[in-house]
PDB file of N, CA and C in Angstrom:
ATOM      1  N   UNK A   1      -1.984  -4.501 -17.045  1.00  0.00           N
ATOM      2  CA  UNK A   1      -1.021  -3.040 -17.360  1.00  0.00           C
ATOM      3  C   UNK A   1       0.227  -3.999 -17.320  1.00  0.00           C
ATOM      4  N   UNK A   2       1.124  -3.318 -18.235  1.00  0.00           N
ATOM      5  CA  UNK A   2       2.622  -4.345 -18.497  1.00  0.00           C
ATOM      6  C   UNK A   2       3.268  -3.826 -17.621  1.00  0.00           C
ATOM      7  N   UNK A   3       4.539  -4.846 -16.991  1.00  0.00           N
ATOM      8  CA  UNK A   3       5.329  -4.613 -15.869  1.00  0.00           C
ATOM      9  C   UNK A   3       6.335  -3.736 -16.320  1.00  0.00           C
ATOM     10  N   UNK A   4       6.628  -2.495 -15.478  1.00  0.00           N
ATOM     11  CA  UNK A   4       7.487  -1.441 -16.143  1.00  0.00           C
ATOM     12  C   UNK A   4       9.038  -1.865 -15.410  1.00  0.00           C
ATOM     13  N   UNK A   5       9.336  -3.160 -15.032  1.00  0.00           N
ATOM     14  CA  UNK A   5      10.430  -3.593 -14.720  1.00  0.00           C
ATOM     15  C   UNK A   5      10.246  -5.112 -14.738  1.00  0.00           C
ATOM     16  N   UNK A   6      11.488  -6.140 -16.259  1.00  0.00           N
ATOM     17  CA  UNK A   6      11.618  -7.324 -15.606  1.00  0.00           C
ATOM     18  C   UNK A   6      12.878  -7.345 -14.993  1.00  0.00           C
ATOM     19  N   UNK A   7      12.958  -9.028 -14.464  1.00  0.00           N
ATOM     20  CA  UNK A   7      13.955  -9.390 -14.921  1.00  0.00           C
ATOM     21  C   UNK A   7      15.430  -9.212 -14.886  1.00  0.00           C
ATOM     22  N   UNK A   8      15.911  -8.455 -13.953  1.00  0.00           N
ATOM     23  CA  UNK A   8      17.558  -8.253 -15.062  1.00  0.00           C
ATOM     24  C   UNK A   8      18.024  -7.021 -14.987  1.00  0.00           C
ATOM     25  N   UNK A   9      16.860  -6.216 -14.617  1.00  0.00           N
ATOM     26  CA  UNK A   9      16.996  -4.752 -15.175  1.00  0.00           C
ATOM     27  C   UNK A   9      17.778  -4.510 -13.915  1.00  0.00           C
ATOM     28  N   UNK A  10      18.353  -2.876 -13.804  1.00  0.00           N
ATOM     29  CA  UNK A  10      18.843  -2.694 -13.099  1.00  0.00           C
ATOM     30  C   UNK A  10      18.268  -1.332 -12.276  1.00  0.00           C
ATOM     31  N   UNK A  11      18.740  -0.925 -11.219  1.00  0.00           N
ATOM     32  CA  UNK A  11      17.639   0.091 -10.649  1.00  0.00           C
ATOM     33  C   UNK A  11      18.770   0.962  -9.442  1.00  0.00           C
ATOM     34  N   UNK A  12      18.818   2.076  -8.999  1.00  0.00           N
ATOM     35  CA  UNK A  12      19.512   3.249  -8.741  1.00  0.00           C
ATOM     36  C   UNK A  12      18.207   3.210  -7.454  1.00  0.00           C
ATOM     37  N   UNK A  13      18.927   3.175  -6.291  1.00  0.00           N
ATOM     38  CA  UNK A  13      17.917   3.319  -5.260  1.00  0.00           C
ATOM     39  C   UNK A  13      18.668   4.348  -4.069  1.00  0.00           C
ATOM     40  N   UNK A  14      17.134   4.988  -4.157  1.00  0.00           N
ATOM     41  CA  UNK A  14      17.742   6.346  -2.964  1.00  0.00           C
ATOM     42  C   UNK A  14      17.759   5.848  -1.283  1.00  0.00           C
ATOM     43  N   UNK A  15      19.014   5.522  -0.566  1.00  0.00           N
ATOM     44  CA  UNK A  15      18.555   4.994   0.600  1.00  0.00           C
ATOM     45  C   UNK A  15      18.110   6.074   1.800  1.00  0.00           C
ATOM     46  N   UNK A  16      18.703   7.457   1.063  1.00  0.00           N
ATOM     47  CA  UNK A  16      18.354   8.458   2.209  1.00  0.00           C
ATOM     48  C   UNK A  16      16.701   8.720   2.401  1.00  0.00           C
ATOM     49  N   UNK A  17      16.325   8.722   1.208  1.00  0.00           N
ATOM     50  CA  UNK A  17      14.543   9.367   0.684  1.00  0.00           C
ATOM     51  C   UNK A  17      13.425   9.257   1.880  1.00  0.00           C
ATOM     52  N   UNK A  18      13.665   8.283   3.058  1.00  0.00           N
ATOM     53  CA  UNK A  18      12.423   7.562   3.801  1.00  0.00           C
ATOM     54  C   UNK A  18      13.542   8.227   5.028  1.00  0.00           C
ATOM     55  N   UNK A  19      14.670   8.890   5.376  1.00  0.00           N
ATOM     56  CA  UNK A  19      14.955   8.969   6.380  1.00  0.00           C
ATOM     57  C   UNK A  19      14.833  10.113   6.682  1.00  0.00           C
ATOM     58  N   UNK A  20      13.913  11.433   5.605  1.00  0.00           N
ATOM     59  CA  UNK A  20      13.343  12.427   6.138  1.00  0.00           C
ATOM     60  C   UNK A  20      12.253  12.945   5.717  1.00  0.00           C
ATOM     61  N   UNK A  21      11.457  11.445   5.414  1.00  0.00           N
ATOM     62  CA  UNK A  21      10.330  11.602   4.755  1.00  0.00           C
ATOM     63  C   UNK A  21       9.543  10.116   5.077  1.00  0.00           C
ATOM     64  N   UNK A  22       8.589  10.379   4.320  1.00  0.00           N
ATOM     65  CA  UNK A  22       7.446   8.880   4.642  1.00  0.00           C
ATOM     66  C   UNK A  22       7.610   8.023   3.430  1.00  0.00           C
ATOM     67  N   UNK A  23       7.145   7.034   3.118  1.00  0.00           N
ATOM     68  CA  UNK A  23       6.845   6.383   1.892  1.00  0.00           C
ATOM     69  C   UNK A  23       5.566   6.510   1.681  1.00  0.00           C
ATOM     70  N   UNK A  24       5.251   7.309   0.227  1.00  0.00           N
ATOM     71  CA  UNK A  24       3.733   7.332  -0.043  1.00  0.00           C
ATOM     72  C   UNK A  24       3.124   6.280  -1.108  1.00  0.00           C
ATOM     73  N   UNK A  25       1.946   6.303  -1.086  1.00  0.00           N
ATOM     74  CA  UNK A  25       1.163   5.138  -2.163  1.00  0.00           C
ATOM     75  C   UNK A  25       1.723   5.859  -3.458  1.00  0.00           C
ATOM     76  N   UNK A  26       2.381   4.839  -4.326  1.00  0.00           N
ATOM     77  CA  UNK A  26       2.503   4.399  -5.735  1.00  0.00           C
ATOM     78  C   UNK A  26       4.242   5.187  -5.824  1.00  0.00           C
ATOM     79  N   UNK A  27       4.375   4.913  -4.313  1.00  0.00           N
ATOM     80  CA  UNK A  27       6.248   4.876  -4.345  1.00  0.00           C
ATOM     81  C   UNK A  27       6.521   3.248  -4.960  1.00  0.00           C
ATOM     82  N   UNK A  28       7.812   3.339  -5.833  1.00  0.00           N
ATOM     83  CA  UNK A  28       8.267   1.873  -6.373  1.00  0.00           C
ATOM     84  C   UNK A  28       9.441   1.821  -5.154  1.00  0.00           C
ATOM     85  N   UNK A  29       9.731   0.940  -4.706  1.00  0.00           N
ATOM     86  CA  UNK A  29      10.540   1.215  -3.537  1.00  0.00           C
ATOM     87  C   UNK A  29      11.486  -0.569  -3.485  1.00  0.00           C
ATOM     88  N   UNK A  30      12.351  -0.424  -2.483  1.00  0.00           N
ATOM     89  CA  UNK A  30      13.511  -1.575  -2.796  1.00  0.00           C
ATOM     90  C   UNK A  30      12.951  -1.961  -1.040  1.00  0.00           C
ATOM     91  N   UNK A  31      13.048  -3.550  -0.928  1.00  0.00           N
ATOM     92  CA  UNK A  31      12.642  -3.987   0.397  1.00  0.00           C
ATOM     93  C   UNK A  31      13.118  -5.263   0.559  1.00  0.00           C
ATOM     94  N   UNK A  32      13.296  -5.830   1.771  1.00  0.00           N
ATOM     95  CA  UNK A  32      14.172  -6.799   2.064  1.00  0.00           C
ATOM     96  C   UNK A  32      12.990  -7.901   2.197  1.00  0.00           C
ATOM     97  N   UNK A  33      13.289  -8.657   1.267  1.00  0.00           N
ATOM     98  CA  UNK A  33      11.979  -9.749   1.026  1.00  0.00           C
ATOM     99  C   UNK A  33      11.890 -10.337   2.811  1.00  0.00           C
ATOM    100  N   UNK A  34      10.671 -10.186   3.296  1.00  0.00           N
ATOM    101  CA  UNK A  34      10.315 -11.095   4.468  1.00  0.00           C
ATOM    102  C   UNK A  34      10.159 -12.174   4.468  1.00  0.00           C
ATOM    103  N   UNK A  35      10.290 -12.873   3.755  1.00  0.00           N
ATOM    104  CA  UNK A  35      10.267 -14.126   3.433  1.00  0.00           C
ATOM    105  C   UNK A  35      11.573 -15.214   3.338  1.00  0.00           C
ATOM    106  N   UNK A  36      12.492 -14.018   3.263  1.00  0.00           N
ATOM    107  CA  UNK A  36      14.216 -14.693   2.858  1.00  0.00           C
ATOM    108  C   UNK A  36      14.899 -13.273   3.078  1.00  0.00           C
ATOM    109  N   UNK A  37      15.598 -12.913   3.905  1.00  0.00           N
ATOM    110  CA  UNK A  37      16.369 -11.711   4.300  1.00  0.00           C
ATOM    111  C   UNK A  37      17.382 -11.504   3.783  1.00  0.00           C
ATOM    112  N   UNK A  38      17.878 -12.526   2.798  1.00  0.00           N
ATOM    113  CA  UNK A  38      19.092 -12.239   2.167  1.00  0.00           C
ATOM    114  C   UNK A  38      18.666 -11.221   0.727  1.00  0.00           C
ATOM    115  N   UNK A  39      17.379 -11.788   0.374  1.00  0.00           N
ATOM    116  CA  UNK A  39      16.882 -11.054  -1.286  1.00  0.00           C
ATOM    117  C   UNK A  39      16.566  -9.974  -0.740  1.00  0.00           C
ATOM    118  N   UNK A  40      15.865  -9.437  -1.793  1.00  0.00           N
ATOM    119  CA  UNK A  40      15.230  -8.145  -2.115  1.00  0.00           C
ATOM    120  C   UNK A  40      14.364  -8.119  -2.988  1.00  0.00           C
ATOM    121  N   UNK A  41      13.395  -7.083  -3.060  1.00  0.00           N
ATOM    122  CA  UNK A  41      12.298  -7.303  -3.893  1.00  0.00           C
ATOM    123  C   UNK A  41      12.057  -5.725  -4.395  1.00  0.00           C
ATOM    124  N   UNK A  42      11.289  -5.306  -5.306  1.00  0.00           N
ATOM    125  CA  UNK A  42      10.942  -4.078  -6.080  1.00  0.00           C
ATOM    126  C   UNK A  42       9.411  -4.107  -6.386  1.00  0.00           C
ATOM    127  N   UNK A  43       9.124  -3.279  -5.560  1.00  0.00           N
ATOM    128  CA  UNK A  43       7.424  -3.625  -5.600  1.00  0.00           C
ATOM    129  C   UNK A  43       6.780  -1.333  -5.331  1.00  0.00           C
ATOM    130  N   UNK A  44       5.666  -1.735  -5.482  1.00  0.00           N
ATOM    131  CA  UNK A  44       4.973  -0.686  -6.171  1.00  0.00           C
ATOM    132  C   UNK A  44       4.231  -0.147  -4.005  1.00  0.00           C
ATOM    133  N   UNK A  45       4.390   0.725  -3.569  1.00  0.00           N
ATOM    134  CA  UNK A  45       3.541   0.955  -2.167  1.00  0.00           C
ATOM    135  C   UNK A  45       1.733   1.575  -2.531  1.00  0.00           C
ATOM    136  N   UNK A  46       1.101   0.121  -2.091  1.00  0.00           N
ATOM    137  CA  UNK A  46      -0.594   0.360  -2.655  1.00  0.00           C
ATOM    138  C   UNK A  46      -1.260   1.076  -1.749  1.00  0.00           C
ATOM    139  N   UNK A  47      -1.080   0.741  -0.304  1.00  0.00           N
ATOM    140  CA  UNK A  47      -1.865   1.923   0.426  1.00  0.00           C
ATOM    141  C   UNK A  47      -1.470   1.537   1.875  1.00  0.00           C
ATOM    142  N   UNK A  48      -1.293   2.549   2.733  1.00  0.00           N
ATOM    143  CA  UNK A  48      -0.721   2.280   3.918  1.00  0.00           C
ATOM    144  C   UNK A  48      -1.963   1.285   4.828  1.00  0.00           C
ATOM    145  N   UNK A  49      -2.102   0.688   5.294  1.00  0.00           N
ATOM    146  CA  UNK A  49      -1.965  -0.502   6.162  1.00  0.00           C
ATOM    147  C   UNK A  49      -2.746   0.283   7.555  1.00  0.00           C
ATOM    148  N   UNK A  50      -4.091  -0.223   8.060  1.00  0.00           N
ATOM    149  CA  UNK A  50      -4.714  -0.216   9.303  1.00  0.00           C
ATOM    150  C   UNK A  50      -3.959  -0.144  10.755  1.00  0.00           C
ATOM    151  N   UNK A  51      -2.914  -1.676  10.367  1.00  0.00           N
ATOM    152  CA  UNK A  51      -1.786  -1.791  11.475  1.00  0.00           C
ATOM    153  C   UNK A  51      -0.706  -1.170  11.537  1.00  0.00           C
ATOM    154  N   UNK A  52      -0.305   0.350  10.619  1.00  0.00           N
ATOM    155  CA  UNK A  52       0.571   0.676  10.618  1.00  0.00           C
ATOM    156  C   UNK A  52       1.857   0.286   9.422  1.00  0.00           C
ATOM    157  N   UNK A  53       1.696  -0.553   8.773  1.00  0.00           N
ATOM    158  CA  UNK A  53       2.591  -1.318   7.796  1.00  0.00           C
ATOM    159  C   UNK A  53       2.327  -0.399   6.459  1.00  0.00           C
ATOM    160  N   UNK A  54       2.851  -1.176   5.248  1.00  0.00           N
ATOM    161  CA  UNK A  54       3.128  -0.603   4.088  1.00  0.00           C
ATOM    162  C   UNK A  54       2.130  -1.756   3.189  1.00  0.00           C
ATOM    163  N   UNK A  55       1.494  -1.685   2.209  1.00  0.00           N
ATOM    164  CA  UNK A  55       0.494  -2.918   1.801  1.00  0.00           C
ATOM    165  C   UNK A  55       1.335  -2.802   0.706  1.00  0.00           C
ATOM    166  N   UNK A  56       2.244  -3.633  -0.116  1.00  0.00           N
ATOM    167  CA  UNK A  56       3.101  -3.092  -1.377  1.00  0.00           C
ATOM    168  C   UNK A  56       2.290  -4.572  -2.354  1.00  0.00           C
ATOM    169  N   UNK A  57       2.593  -3.909  -3.525  1.00  0.00           N
ATOM    170  CA  UNK A  57       2.059  -4.898  -5.327  1.00  0.00           C
ATOM    171  C   UNK A  57       3.312  -4.706  -6.038  1.00  0.00           C
ATOM    172  N   UNK A  58       3.436  -5.962  -6.643  1.00  0.00           N
ATOM    173  CA  UNK A  58       4.482  -6.133  -8.007  1.00  0.00           C
ATOM    174  C   UNK A  58       3.301  -5.388  -9.149  1.00  0.00           C
ATOM    175  N   UNK A  59       3.574  -5.015 -10.472  1.00  0.00           N
ATOM    176  CA  UNK A  59       3.401  -4.503 -11.490  1.00  0.00           C
ATOM    177  C   UNK A  59       2.298  -5.606 -12.072  1.00  0.00           C
ATOM    178  N   UNK A  60       3.152  -6.742 -11.918  1.00  0.00           N
ATOM    179  CA  UNK A  60       2.380  -7.719 -12.688  1.00  0.00           C
ATOM    180  C   UNK A  60       1.792  -8.587 -11.858  1.00  0.00           C
ATOM    181  N   UNK A  61       0.151  -7.929 -11.554  1.00  0.00           N
ATOM    182  CA  UNK A  61      -0.310  -8.775 -10.719  1.00  0.00           C
ATOM    183  C   UNK A  61      -0.728 -10.075 -10.408  1.00  0.00           C
ATOM    184  N   UNK A  62      -0.568 -10.882 -11.747  1.00  0.00           N
ATOM    185  CA  UNK A  62      -1.251 -12.056 -11.702  1.00  0.00           C
ATOM    186  C   UNK A  62       0.399 -13.298 -11.298  1.00  0.00           C
ATOM    187  N   UNK A  63       1.491 -12.524 -11.816  1.00  0.00           N
ATOM    188  CA  UNK A  63       2.484 -13.380 -10.930  1.00  0.00           C
ATOM    189  C   UNK A  63       3.293 -12.866 -10.471  1.00  0.00           C
ATOM    190  N   UNK A  64       2.881 -11.854  -9.347  1.00  0.00           N
ATOM    191  CA  UNK A  64       4.383 -11.147  -8.214  1.00  0.00           C
ATOM    192  C   UNK A  64       3.967 -12.015  -6.680  1.00  0.00           C
ATOM    193  N   UNK A  65       4.726 -12.126  -5.999  1.00  0.00           N
ATOM    194  CA  UNK A  65       4.527 -11.989  -4.883  1.00  0.00           C
ATOM    195  C   UNK A  65       4.897 -10.740  -4.205  1.00  0.00           C
ATOM    196  N   UNK A  66       3.765 -10.736  -3.276  1.00  0.00           N
ATOM    197  CA  UNK A  66       3.580  -9.314  -2.398  1.00  0.00           C
ATOM    198  C   UNK A  66       3.090  -9.709  -1.110  1.00  0.00           C
ATOM    199  N   UNK A  67       2.621  -8.491  -1.115  1.00  0.00           N
ATOM    200  CA  UNK A  67       1.437  -8.461   0.059  1.00  0.00           C
ATOM    201  C   UNK A  67       0.007  -9.366   0.335  1.00  0.00           C
ATOM    202  N   UNK A  68       0.065  -9.497  -1.164  1.00  0.00           N
ATOM    203  CA  UNK A  68      -1.286 -10.689  -0.610  1.00  0.00           C
ATOM    204  C   UNK A  68      -1.099 -12.074  -0.330  1.00  0.00           C
ATOM    205  N   UNK A  69       0.488 -12.546  -0.138  1.00  0.00           N
ATOM    206  CA  UNK A  69       0.702 -13.487   0.297  1.00  0.00           C
ATOM    207  C   UNK A  69       1.469 -13.237   1.162  1.00  0.00           C
ATOM    208  N   UNK A  70       2.256 -12.354   1.628  1.00  0.00           N
ATOM    209  CA  UNK A  70       2.913 -12.143   2.874  1.00  0.00           C
ATOM    210  C   UNK A  70       2.739 -11.060   3.780  1.00  0.00           C
ATOM    211  N   UNK A  71       1.345 -10.483   3.319  1.00  0.00           N
ATOM    212  CA  UNK A  71       0.443  -9.050   4.569  1.00  0.00           C
ATOM    213  C   UNK A  71       1.417  -8.110   4.553  1.00  0.00           C
ATOM    214  N   UNK A  72       1.594  -6.771   4.552  1.00  0.00           N
ATOM    215  CA  UNK A  72       1.539  -6.125   4.927  1.00  0.00           C
ATOM    216  C   UNK A  72       3.493  -5.591   5.564  1.00  0.00           C
ATOM    217  N   UNK A  73       3.912  -4.735   5.190  1.00  0.00           N
ATOM    218  CA  UNK A  73       5.420  -4.866   5.388  1.00  0.00           C
ATOM    219  C   UNK A  73       5.261  -3.839   6.481  1.00  0.00           C
ATOM    220  N   UNK A  74       6.461  -3.824   7.380  1.00  0.00           N
ATOM    221  CA  UNK A  74       6.491  -2.898   8.513  1.00  0.00           C
ATOM    222  C   UNK A  74       7.748  -1.535   7.457  1.00  0.00           C
ATOM    223  N   UNK A  75       8.172  -0.502   8.036  1.00  0.00           N
ATOM    224  CA  UNK A  75       8.822   0.493   7.159  1.00  0.00           C
ATOM    225  C   UNK A  75      10.050   0.217   7.634  1.00  0.00           C
ATOM    226  N   UNK A  76      10.880  -0.415   8.418  1.00  0.00           N
ATOM    227  CA  UNK A  76      12.388  -0.962   8.623  1.00  0.00           C
ATOM    228  C   UNK A  76      12.761  -1.837   7.310  1.00  0.00           C
ATOM    229  N   UNK A  77      11.630  -2.541   6.722  1.00  0.00           N
ATOM    230  CA  UNK A  77      12.117  -3.474   5.628  1.00  0.00           C
ATOM    231  C   UNK A  77      12.345  -3.168   4.562  1.00  0.00           C
ATOM    232  N   UNK A  78      11.868  -1.764   3.861  1.00  0.00           N
ATOM    233  CA  UNK A  78      12.083  -0.488   2.863  1.00  0.00           C
ATOM    234  C   UNK A  78      13.339  -0.322   3.345  1.00  0.00           C
ATOM    235  N   UNK A  79      14.255  -0.434   2.060  1.00  0.00           N
ATOM    236  CA  UNK A  79      16.084  -0.176   1.881  1.00  0.00           C
ATOM    237  C   UNK A  79      15.811   1.251   1.118  1.00  0.00           C
ATOM    238  N   UNK A  80      14.947   1.512   0.654  1.00  0.00           N
ATOM    239  CA  UNK A  80      15.060   3.425  -0.228  1.00  0.00           C
ATOM    240  C   UNK A  80      13.849   2.862  -1.321  1.00  0.00           C
ATOM    241  N   UNK A  81      13.761   4.029  -2.075  1.00  0.00           N
ATOM    242  CA  UNK A  81      12.622   4.033  -3.083  1.00  0.00           C
ATOM    243  C   UNK A  81      13.826   4.401  -3.976  1.00  0.00           C
ATOM    244  N   UNK A  82      12.980   3.757  -5.134  1.00  0.00           N
ATOM    245  CA  UNK A  82      13.858   3.468  -6.392  1.00  0.00           C
ATOM    246  C   UNK A  82      13.623   5.169  -7.301  1.00  0.00           C
ATOM    247  N   UNK A  83      14.691   5.556  -7.756  1.00  0.00           N
ATOM    248  CA  UNK A  83      15.541   6.684  -8.072  1.00  0.00           C
ATOM    249  C   UNK A  83      15.071   6.713  -9.651  1.00  0.00           C
ATOM    250  N   UNK A  84      15.979   5.649 -10.215  1.00  0.00           N
ATOM    251  CA  UNK A  84      16.452   5.519 -11.649  1.00  0.00           C
ATOM    252  C   UNK A  84      15.968   3.814 -12.054  1.00  0.00           C
ATOM    253  N   UNK A  85      15.686   3.499 -13.351  1.00  0.00           N
ATOM    254  CA  UNK A  85      15.244   2.141 -13.528  1.00  0.00           C
ATOM    255  C   UNK A  85      16.147   2.462 -15.188  1.00  0.00           C
ATOM    256  N   UNK A  86      17.084   1.080 -15.266  1.00  0.00           N
ATOM    257  CA  UNK A  86      17.947   1.105 -16.217  1.00  0.00           C
ATOM    258  C   UNK A  86      17.683  -0.596 -17.320  1.00  0.00           C
ATOM    259  N   UNK A  87      17.155  -0.587 -18.003  1.00  0.00           N
ATOM    260  CA  UNK A  87      17.531  -2.019 -19.146  1.00  0.00           C
ATOM    261  C   UNK A  87      19.167  -2.306 -19.183  1.00  0.00           C
ATOM    262  N   UNK A  88      19.265  -3.434 -19.234  1.00  0.00           N
ATOM    263  CA  UNK A  88      20.904  -3.879 -19.633  1.00  0.00           C
ATOM    264  C   UNK A  88      20.848  -4.060 -20.885  1.00  0.00           C
TER     265      UNK A  88
END
């Protein structure tokens, strides 16, 4: 499957979506990078981990740094749900 987003693309993020609801499998989210708190990542929620965290993956499975590298993430790392995606 080809990645749906590319470096340099813009996203509009709904920061309120998870204040009233929970992240669900398949949602595309922006999260604070667990290994670099100053950075952000755009990932898809693959599943809920039994530890209560979220397992996130990138669409480019061969080249993505995601939960396969840093493990499940806590909900408080999720900034919001991607609402729109725009190519420059």
